[in-house]
């Protein structure tokens, strides 16, 4: 339905700018981190063919590709949840 829109106050505009800048910095960091040789095993999801019991051991699987997708799709509300994954 129709939702009332909050007026943009200087505080909310500043917060939006900060969120945008933070996401841009996280995206740059993620790109540089993903490019490292040490990150090659974390770029894509682990295949059950390679590790059949992976999902028995790792309860919340995450790879750098999924992190990038979530960042682009604005699924992280704060940097803390990005760092956790």
PDB file of N, CA and C in Angstrom:
ATOM      1  N   UNK A   1       0.793  -1.169   0.000  1.00  0.00           N
ATOM      2  CA  UNK A   1       0.000   0.000   0.000  1.00  0.00           C
ATOM      3  C   UNK A   1       0.846   1.249   0.000  1.00  0.00           C
ATOM      4  N   UNK A   2       0.154   2.333   0.172  1.00  0.00           N
ATOM      5  CA  UNK A   2       0.839   3.623   0.208  1.00  0.00           C
ATOM      6  C   UNK A   2       1.543   3.788   1.545  1.00  0.00           C
ATOM      7  N   UNK A   3       2.799   4.139   1.463  1.00  0.00           N
ATOM      8  CA  UNK A   3       3.570   4.389   2.675  1.00  0.00           C
ATOM      9  C   UNK A   3       3.909   5.858   2.725  1.00  0.00           C
ATOM     10  N   UNK A   4       3.851   6.399   3.899  1.00  0.00           N
ATOM     11  CA  UNK A   4       4.248   7.792   4.061  1.00  0.00           C
ATOM     12  C   UNK A   4       5.747   7.891   3.911  1.00  0.00           C
ATOM     13  N   UNK A   5       6.187   8.869   3.164  1.00  0.00           N
ATOM     14  CA  UNK A   5       7.620   9.063   2.985  1.00  0.00           C
ATOM     15  C   UNK A   5       8.113  10.064   4.018  1.00  0.00           C
ATOM     16  N   UNK A   6       9.213   9.689   4.657  1.00  0.00           N
ATOM     17  CA  UNK A   6       9.833  10.593   5.614  1.00  0.00           C
ATOM     18  C   UNK A   6      10.479  11.740   4.833  1.00  0.00           C
ATOM     19  N   UNK A   7      10.340  12.953   5.330  1.00  0.00           N
ATOM     20  CA  UNK A   7      11.033  14.056   4.652  1.00  0.00           C
ATOM     21  C   UNK A   7      12.543  13.868   4.785  1.00  0.00           C
ATOM     22  N   UNK A   8      13.238  14.248   3.763  1.00  0.00           N
ATOM     23  CA  UNK A   8      14.698  14.122   3.807  1.00  0.00           C
ATOM     24  C   UNK A   8      15.267  15.272   4.616  1.00  0.00           C
ATOM     25  N   UNK A   9      15.736  14.937   5.763  1.00  0.00           N
ATOM     26  CA  UNK A   9      16.390  15.927   6.604  1.00  0.00           C
ATOM     27  C   UNK A   9      17.879  15.843   6.323  1.00  0.00           C
ATOM     28  N   UNK A  10      18.636  16.860   6.707  1.00  0.00           N
ATOM     29  CA  UNK A  10      20.092  16.776   6.503  1.00  0.00           C
ATOM     30  C   UNK A  10      20.683  15.499   7.105  1.00  0.00           C
ATOM     31  N   UNK A  11      20.131  15.041   8.232  1.00  0.00           N
ATOM     32  CA  UNK A  11      20.661  13.837   8.857  1.00  0.00           C
ATOM     33  C   UNK A  11      20.442  12.615   7.953  1.00  0.00           C
ATOM     34  N   UNK A  12      19.248  12.463   7.397  1.00  0.00           N
ATOM     35  CA  UNK A  12      18.998  11.287   6.568  1.00  0.00           C
ATOM     36  C   UNK A  12      19.775  11.360   5.261  1.00  0.00           C
ATOM     37  N   UNK A  13      19.937  12.543   4.708  1.00  0.00           N
ATOM     38  CA  UNK A  13      20.737  12.688   3.498  1.00  0.00           C
ATOM     39  C   UNK A  13      22.193  12.330   3.800  1.00  0.00           C
ATOM     40  N   UNK A  14      22.690  12.795   4.922  1.00  0.00           N
ATOM     41  CA  UNK A  14      24.062  12.479   5.328  1.00  0.00           C
ATOM     42  C   UNK A  14      24.219  10.975   5.551  1.00  0.00           C
ATOM     43  N   UNK A  15      23.235  10.372   6.210  1.00  0.00           N
ATOM     44  CA  UNK A  15      23.296   8.929   6.438  1.00  0.00           C
ATOM     45  C   UNK A  15      23.283   8.161   5.122  1.00  0.00           C
ATOM     46  N   UNK A  16      22.454   8.576   4.175  1.00  0.00           N
ATOM     47  CA  UNK A  16      22.387   7.908   2.873  1.00  0.00           C
ATOM     48  C   UNK A  16      23.714   8.028   2.142  1.00  0.00           C
ATOM     49  N   UNK A  17      24.326   9.191   2.231  1.00  0.00           N
ATOM     50  CA  UNK A  17      25.628   9.397   1.577  1.00  0.00           C
ATOM     51  C   UNK A  17      26.681   8.501   2.231  1.00  0.00           C
ATOM     52  N   UNK A  18      26.642   8.412   3.544  1.00  0.00           N
ATOM     53  CA  UNK A  18      27.600   7.573   4.258  1.00  0.00           C
ATOM     54  C   UNK A  18      27.419   6.103   3.886  1.00  0.00           C
ATOM     55  N   UNK A  19      26.177   5.654   3.804  1.00  0.00           N
ATOM     56  CA  UNK A  19      25.905   4.267   3.410  1.00  0.00           C
ATOM     57  C   UNK A  19      26.425   4.019   2.001  1.00  0.00           C
ATOM     58  N   UNK A  20      26.176   4.938   1.093  1.00  0.00           N
ATOM     59  CA  UNK A  20      26.641   4.788  -0.293  1.00  0.00           C
ATOM     60  C   UNK A  20      28.169   4.723  -0.349  1.00  0.00           C
ATOM     61  N   UNK A  21      28.821   5.626   0.346  1.00  0.00           N
ATOM     62  CA  UNK A  21      30.284   5.648   0.352  1.00  0.00           C
ATOM     63  C   UNK A  21      30.853   4.389   0.998  1.00  0.00           C
ATOM     64  N   UNK A  22      30.214   3.915   2.062  1.00  0.00           N
ATOM     65  CA  UNK A  22      30.671   2.705   2.726  1.00  0.00           C
ATOM     66  C   UNK A  22      30.554   1.504   1.792  1.00  0.00           C
ATOM     67  N   UNK A  23      29.439   1.386   1.102  1.00  0.00           N
ATOM     68  CA  UNK A  23      29.250   0.275   0.165  1.00  0.00           C
ATOM     69  C   UNK A  23      30.248   0.349  -0.982  1.00  0.00           C
ATOM     70  N   UNK A  24      30.559   1.542  -1.446  1.00  0.00           N
ATOM     71  CA  UNK A  24      31.560   1.693  -2.505  1.00  0.00           C
ATOM     72  C   UNK A  24      32.937   1.237  -2.014  1.00  0.00           C
ATOM     73  N   UNK A  25      33.282   1.617  -0.792  1.00  0.00           N
ATOM     74  CA  UNK A  25      34.563   1.177  -0.222  1.00  0.00           C
ATOM     75  C   UNK A  25      34.598  -0.345  -0.035  1.00  0.00           C
ATOM     76  N   UNK A  26      33.497  -0.916   0.460  1.00  0.00           N
ATOM     77  CA  UNK A  26      33.435  -2.362   0.634  1.00  0.00           C
ATOM     78  C   UNK A  26      33.548  -3.084  -0.702  1.00  0.00           C
ATOM     79  N   UNK A  27      32.932  -2.548  -1.740  1.00  0.00           N
ATOM     80  CA  UNK A  27      33.012  -3.159  -3.070  1.00  0.00           C
ATOM     81  C   UNK A  27      34.447  -3.127  -3.587  1.00  0.00           C
ATOM     82  N   UNK A  28      35.141  -2.012  -3.401  1.00  0.00           N
ATOM     83  CA  UNK A  28      36.550  -1.917  -3.828  1.00  0.00           C
ATOM     84  C   UNK A  28      37.409  -2.907  -3.050  1.00  0.00           C
ATOM     85  N   UNK A  29      37.192  -2.980  -1.742  1.00  0.00           N
ATOM     86  CA  UNK A  29      37.931  -3.934  -0.917  1.00  0.00           C
ATOM     87  C   UNK A  29      37.665  -5.357  -1.392  1.00  0.00           C
ATOM     88  N   UNK A  30      36.408  -5.681  -1.615  1.00  0.00           N
ATOM     89  CA  UNK A  30      36.033  -7.026  -2.030  1.00  0.00           C
ATOM     90  C   UNK A  30      36.676  -7.379  -3.375  1.00  0.00           C
ATOM     91  N   UNK A  31      36.683  -6.451  -4.315  1.00  0.00           N
ATOM     92  CA  UNK A  31      37.322  -6.698  -5.615  1.00  0.00           C
ATOM     93  C   UNK A  31      38.815  -6.981  -5.459  1.00  0.00           C
ATOM     94  N   UNK A  32      39.488  -6.179  -4.638  1.00  0.00           N
ATOM     95  CA  UNK A  32      40.929  -6.387  -4.426  1.00  0.00           C
ATOM     96  C   UNK A  32      41.187  -7.703  -3.692  1.00  0.00           C
ATOM     97  N   UNK A  33      40.375  -8.005  -2.705  1.00  0.00           N
ATOM     98  CA  UNK A  33      40.537  -9.236  -1.942  1.00  0.00           C
ATOM     99  C   UNK A  33      40.283 -10.457  -2.832  1.00  0.00           C
ATOM    100  N   UNK A  34      39.242 -10.400  -3.642  1.00  0.00           N
ATOM    101  CA  UNK A  34      38.893 -11.507  -4.530  1.00  0.00           C
ATOM    102  C   UNK A  34      39.999 -11.764  -5.550  1.00  0.00           C
ATOM    103  N   UNK A  35      40.705 -10.737  -5.956  1.00  0.00           N
ATOM    104  CA  UNK A  35      41.771 -10.864  -6.947  1.00  0.00           C
ATOM    105  C   UNK A  35      43.029 -11.538  -6.390  1.00  0.00           C
ATOM    106  N   UNK A  36      43.179 -11.605  -5.080  1.00  0.00           N
ATOM    107  CA  UNK A  36      44.359 -12.225  -4.484  1.00  0.00           C
ATOM    108  C   UNK A  36      44.390 -13.723  -4.774  1.00  0.00           C
ATOM    109  N   UNK A  37      45.588 -14.262  -5.005  1.00  0.00           N
ATOM    110  CA  UNK A  37      45.728 -15.705  -5.206  1.00  0.00           C
ATOM    111  C   UNK A  37      45.197 -16.489  -4.016  1.00  0.00           C
ATOM    112  N   UNK A  38      45.406 -15.952  -2.816  1.00  0.00           N
ATOM    113  CA  UNK A  38      44.970 -16.635  -1.600  1.00  0.00           C
ATOM    114  C   UNK A  38      43.447 -16.776  -1.518  1.00  0.00           C
ATOM    115  N   UNK A  39      42.718 -15.991  -2.297  1.00  0.00           N
ATOM    116  CA  UNK A  39      41.262 -16.013  -2.244  1.00  0.00           C
ATOM    117  C   UNK A  39      40.638 -16.949  -3.279  1.00  0.00           C
ATOM    118  N   UNK A  40      41.468 -17.586  -4.104  1.00  0.00           N
ATOM    119  CA  UNK A  40      40.916 -18.368  -5.226  1.00  0.00           C
ATOM    120  C   UNK A  40      39.958 -19.468  -4.778  1.00  0.00           C
ATOM    121  N   UNK A  41      40.192 -20.069  -3.628  1.00  0.00           N
ATOM    122  CA  UNK A  41      39.302 -21.138  -3.156  1.00  0.00           C
ATOM    123  C   UNK A  41      38.000 -20.623  -2.567  1.00  0.00           C
ATOM    124  N   UNK A  42      37.878 -19.316  -2.448  1.00  0.00           N
ATOM    125  CA  UNK A  42      36.692 -18.719  -1.830  1.00  0.00           C
ATOM    126  C   UNK A  42      35.860 -17.904  -2.817  1.00  0.00           C
ATOM    127  N   UNK A  43      36.232 -17.922  -4.088  1.00  0.00           N
ATOM    128  CA  UNK A  43      35.543 -17.095  -5.095  1.00  0.00           C
ATOM    129  C   UNK A  43      34.170 -17.633  -5.464  1.00  0.00           C
ATOM    130  N   UNK A  44      34.010 -18.941  -5.468  1.00  0.00           N
ATOM    131  CA  UNK A  44      32.727 -19.562  -5.821  1.00  0.00           C
ATOM    132  C   UNK A  44      32.347 -20.570  -4.745  1.00  0.00           C
ATOM    133  N   UNK A  45      31.091 -20.965  -4.764  1.00  0.00           N
ATOM    134  CA  UNK A  45      30.596 -21.920  -3.770  1.00  0.00           C
ATOM    135  C   UNK A  45      31.305 -23.264  -3.901  1.00  0.00           C
ATOM    136  N   UNK A  46      31.470 -23.944  -2.788  1.00  0.00           N
ATOM    137  CA  UNK A  46      32.072 -25.273  -2.773  1.00  0.00           C
ATOM    138  C   UNK A  46      31.084 -26.263  -3.383  1.00  0.00           C
ATOM    139  N   UNK A  47      31.561 -27.038  -4.320  1.00  0.00           N
ATOM    140  CA  UNK A  47      30.720 -28.022  -5.003  1.00  0.00           C
ATOM    141  C   UNK A  47      30.595 -29.295  -4.169  1.00  0.00           C
ATOM    142  N   UNK A  48      29.393 -29.873  -4.103  1.00  0.00           N
ATOM    143  CA  UNK A  48      29.232 -31.158  -3.404  1.00  0.00           C
ATOM    144  C   UNK A  48      30.081 -32.265  -4.033  1.00  0.00           C
ATOM    145  N   UNK A  49      30.444 -32.110  -5.305  1.00  0.00           N
ATOM    146  CA  UNK A  49      31.315 -33.092  -5.964  1.00  0.00           C
ATOM    147  C   UNK A  49      32.710 -33.086  -5.344  1.00  0.00           C
ATOM    148  N   UNK A  50      33.158 -31.920  -4.938  1.00  0.00           N
ATOM    149  CA  UNK A  50      34.490 -31.782  -4.350  1.00  0.00           C
ATOM    150  C   UNK A  50      34.480 -32.142  -2.871  1.00  0.00           C
ATOM    151  N   UNK A  51      33.435 -31.711  -2.170  1.00  0.00           N
ATOM    152  CA  UNK A  51      33.334 -31.946  -0.725  1.00  0.00           C
ATOM    153  C   UNK A  51      31.904 -32.367  -0.382  1.00  0.00           C
ATOM    154  N   UNK A  52      31.598 -33.658  -0.511  1.00  0.00           N
ATOM    155  CA  UNK A  52      30.223 -34.127  -0.288  1.00  0.00           C
ATOM    156  C   UNK A  52      29.644 -33.792   1.093  1.00  0.00           C
ATOM    157  N   UNK A  53      30.472 -33.735   2.118  1.00  0.00           N
ATOM    158  CA  UNK A  53      29.960 -33.466   3.464  1.00  0.00           C
ATOM    159  C   UNK A  53      30.114 -32.004   3.882  1.00  0.00           C
ATOM    160  N   UNK A  54      30.412 -31.139   2.936  1.00  0.00           N
ATOM    161  CA  UNK A  54      30.659 -29.724   3.236  1.00  0.00           C
ATOM    162  C   UNK A  54      29.494 -29.089   3.993  1.00  0.00           C
ATOM    163  N   UNK A  55      28.280 -29.332   3.525  1.00  0.00           N
ATOM    164  CA  UNK A  55      27.116 -28.706   4.168  1.00  0.00           C
ATOM    165  C   UNK A  55      26.801 -29.317   5.530  1.00  0.00           C
ATOM    166  N   UNK A  56      27.364 -30.482   5.821  1.00  0.00           N
ATOM    167  CA  UNK A  56      27.229 -31.051   7.162  1.00  0.00           C
ATOM    168  C   UNK A  56      28.143 -30.331   8.153  1.00  0.00           C
ATOM    169  N   UNK A  57      29.262 -29.843   7.632  1.00  0.00           N
ATOM    170  CA  UNK A  57      30.266 -29.184   8.471  1.00  0.00           C
ATOM    171  C   UNK A  57      30.037 -27.672   8.525  1.00  0.00           C
ATOM    172  N   UNK A  58      29.764 -27.080   7.378  1.00  0.00           N
ATOM    173  CA  UNK A  58      29.574 -25.634   7.278  1.00  0.00           C
ATOM    174  C   UNK A  58      28.072 -25.343   7.213  1.00  0.00           C
ATOM    175  N   UNK A  59      27.531 -24.782   8.257  1.00  0.00           N
ATOM    176  CA  UNK A  59      26.084 -24.568   8.356  1.00  0.00           C
ATOM    177  C   UNK A  59      25.597 -23.364   7.552  1.00  0.00           C
ATOM    178  N   UNK A  60      26.432 -22.366   7.366  1.00  0.00           N
ATOM    179  CA  UNK A  60      26.044 -21.167   6.620  1.00  0.00           C
ATOM    180  C   UNK A  60      27.104 -20.882   5.561  1.00  0.00           C
ATOM    181  N   UNK A  61      27.106 -21.652   4.476  1.00  0.00           N
ATOM    182  CA  UNK A  61      28.146 -21.466   3.453  1.00  0.00           C
ATOM    183  C   UNK A  61      28.043 -20.093   2.787  1.00  0.00           C
ATOM    184  N   UNK A  62      29.177 -19.534   2.480  1.00  0.00           N
ATOM    185  CA  UNK A  62      29.228 -18.238   1.832  1.00  0.00           C
ATOM    186  C   UNK A  62      30.513 -18.192   1.015  1.00  0.00           C
ATOM    187  N   UNK A  63      30.427 -17.641  -0.172  1.00  0.00           N
ATOM    188  CA  UNK A  63      31.617 -17.448  -0.996  1.00  0.00           C
ATOM    189  C   UNK A  63      31.671 -15.981  -1.414  1.00  0.00           C
ATOM    190  N   UNK A  64      32.809 -15.574  -1.955  1.00  0.00           N
ATOM    191  CA  UNK A  64      32.994 -14.165  -2.292  1.00  0.00           C
ATOM    192  C   UNK A  64      32.044 -13.701  -3.388  1.00  0.00           C
ATOM    193  N   UNK A  65      31.661 -14.593  -4.281  1.00  0.00           N
ATOM    194  CA  UNK A  65      30.685 -14.240  -5.313  1.00  0.00           C
ATOM    195  C   UNK A  65      29.338 -13.898  -4.713  1.00  0.00           C
ATOM    196  N   UNK A  66      28.929 -14.678  -3.731  1.00  0.00           N
ATOM    197  CA  UNK A  66      27.657 -14.404  -3.060  1.00  0.00           C
ATOM    198  C   UNK A  66      27.730 -13.105  -2.262  1.00  0.00           C
ATOM    199  N   UNK A  67      28.868 -12.864  -1.627  1.00  0.00           N
ATOM    200  CA  UNK A  67      29.045 -11.621  -0.870  1.00  0.00           C
ATOM    201  C   UNK A  67      28.923 -10.428  -1.820  1.00  0.00           C
ATOM    202  N   UNK A  68      29.566 -10.526  -2.979  1.00  0.00           N
ATOM    203  CA  UNK A  68      29.506  -9.442  -3.974  1.00  0.00           C
ATOM    204  C   UNK A  68      28.065  -9.215  -4.426  1.00  0.00           C
ATOM    205  N   UNK A  69      27.358 -10.307  -4.737  1.00  0.00           N
ATOM    206  CA  UNK A  69      25.959 -10.185  -5.157  1.00  0.00           C
ATOM    207  C   UNK A  69      25.116  -9.501  -4.084  1.00  0.00           C
ATOM    208  N   UNK A  70      25.301  -9.915  -2.838  1.00  0.00           N
ATOM    209  CA  UNK A  70      24.520  -9.328  -1.749  1.00  0.00           C
ATOM    210  C   UNK A  70      24.849  -7.846  -1.563  1.00  0.00           C
ATOM    211  N   UNK A  71      26.107  -7.497  -1.751  1.00  0.00           N
ATOM    212  CA  UNK A  71      26.501  -6.088  -1.623  1.00  0.00           C
ATOM    213  C   UNK A  71      25.863  -5.263  -2.739  1.00  0.00           C
ATOM    214  N   UNK A  72      25.917  -5.758  -3.963  1.00  0.00           N
ATOM    215  CA  UNK A  72      25.344  -5.057  -5.108  1.00  0.00           C
ATOM    216  C   UNK A  72      23.819  -4.930  -4.968  1.00  0.00           C
ATOM    217  N   UNK A  73      23.191  -5.959  -4.436  1.00  0.00           N
ATOM    218  CA  UNK A  73      21.740  -5.971  -4.286  1.00  0.00           C
ATOM    219  C   UNK A  73      21.262  -5.292  -3.001  1.00  0.00           C
ATOM    220  N   UNK A  74      22.178  -4.621  -2.314  1.00  0.00           N
ATOM    221  CA  UNK A  74      21.862  -3.877  -1.081  1.00  0.00           C
ATOM    222  C   UNK A  74      21.260  -4.773   0.000  1.00  0.00           C
ATOM    223  N   UNK A  75      21.772  -5.990   0.140  1.00  0.00           N
ATOM    224  CA  UNK A  75      21.266  -6.929   1.141  1.00  0.00           C
ATOM    225  C   UNK A  75      21.943  -6.732   2.500  1.00  0.00           C
ATOM    226  N   UNK A  76      23.020  -5.963   2.522  1.00  0.00           N
ATOM    227  CA  UNK A  76      23.695  -5.677   3.789  1.00  0.00           C
ATOM    228  C   UNK A  76      23.209  -4.332   4.299  1.00  0.00           C
ATOM    229  N   UNK A  77      22.652  -4.330   5.493  1.00  0.00           N
ATOM    230  CA  UNK A  77      22.165  -3.071   6.040  1.00  0.00           C
ATOM    231  C   UNK A  77      23.292  -2.277   6.699  1.00  0.00           C
ATOM    232  N   UNK A  78      24.291  -2.981   7.185  1.00  0.00           N
ATOM    233  CA  UNK A  78      25.427  -2.302   7.801  1.00  0.00           C
ATOM    234  C   UNK A  78      26.702  -3.061   7.472  1.00  0.00           C
ATOM    235  N   UNK A  79      27.818  -2.404   7.591  1.00  0.00           N
ATOM    236  CA  UNK A  79      29.104  -3.022   7.280  1.00  0.00           C
ATOM    237  C   UNK A  79      29.387  -4.227   8.171  1.00  0.00           C
ATOM    238  N   UNK A  80      28.850  -4.225   9.376  1.00  0.00           N
ATOM    239  CA  UNK A  80      29.098  -5.321  10.319  1.00  0.00           C
ATOM    240  C   UNK A  80      28.631  -6.665   9.744  1.00  0.00           C
ATOM    241  N   UNK A  81      27.469  -6.688   9.095  1.00  0.00           N
ATOM    242  CA  UNK A  81      26.973  -7.951   8.527  1.00  0.00           C
ATOM    243  C   UNK A  81      27.823  -8.369   7.327  1.00  0.00           C
ATOM    244  N   UNK A  82      28.357  -7.411   6.585  1.00  0.00           N
ATOM    245  CA  UNK A  82      29.271  -7.709   5.479  1.00  0.00           C
ATOM    246  C   UNK A  82      30.533  -8.374   6.018  1.00  0.00           C
ATOM    247  N   UNK A  83      31.094  -7.807   7.051  1.00  0.00           N
ATOM    248  CA  UNK A  83      32.337  -8.324   7.633  1.00  0.00           C
ATOM    249  C   UNK A  83      32.120  -9.723   8.205  1.00  0.00           C
ATOM    250  N   UNK A  84      30.977  -9.962   8.832  1.00  0.00           N
ATOM    251  CA  UNK A  84      30.682 -11.266   9.411  1.00  0.00           C
ATOM    252  C   UNK A  84      30.755 -12.347   8.349  1.00  0.00           C
ATOM    253  N   UNK A  85      30.270 -12.082   7.143  1.00  0.00           N
ATOM    254  CA  UNK A  85      30.266 -13.093   6.107  1.00  0.00           C
ATOM    255  C   UNK A  85      31.601 -13.154   5.414  1.00  0.00           C
TER     256      UNK A  85
END
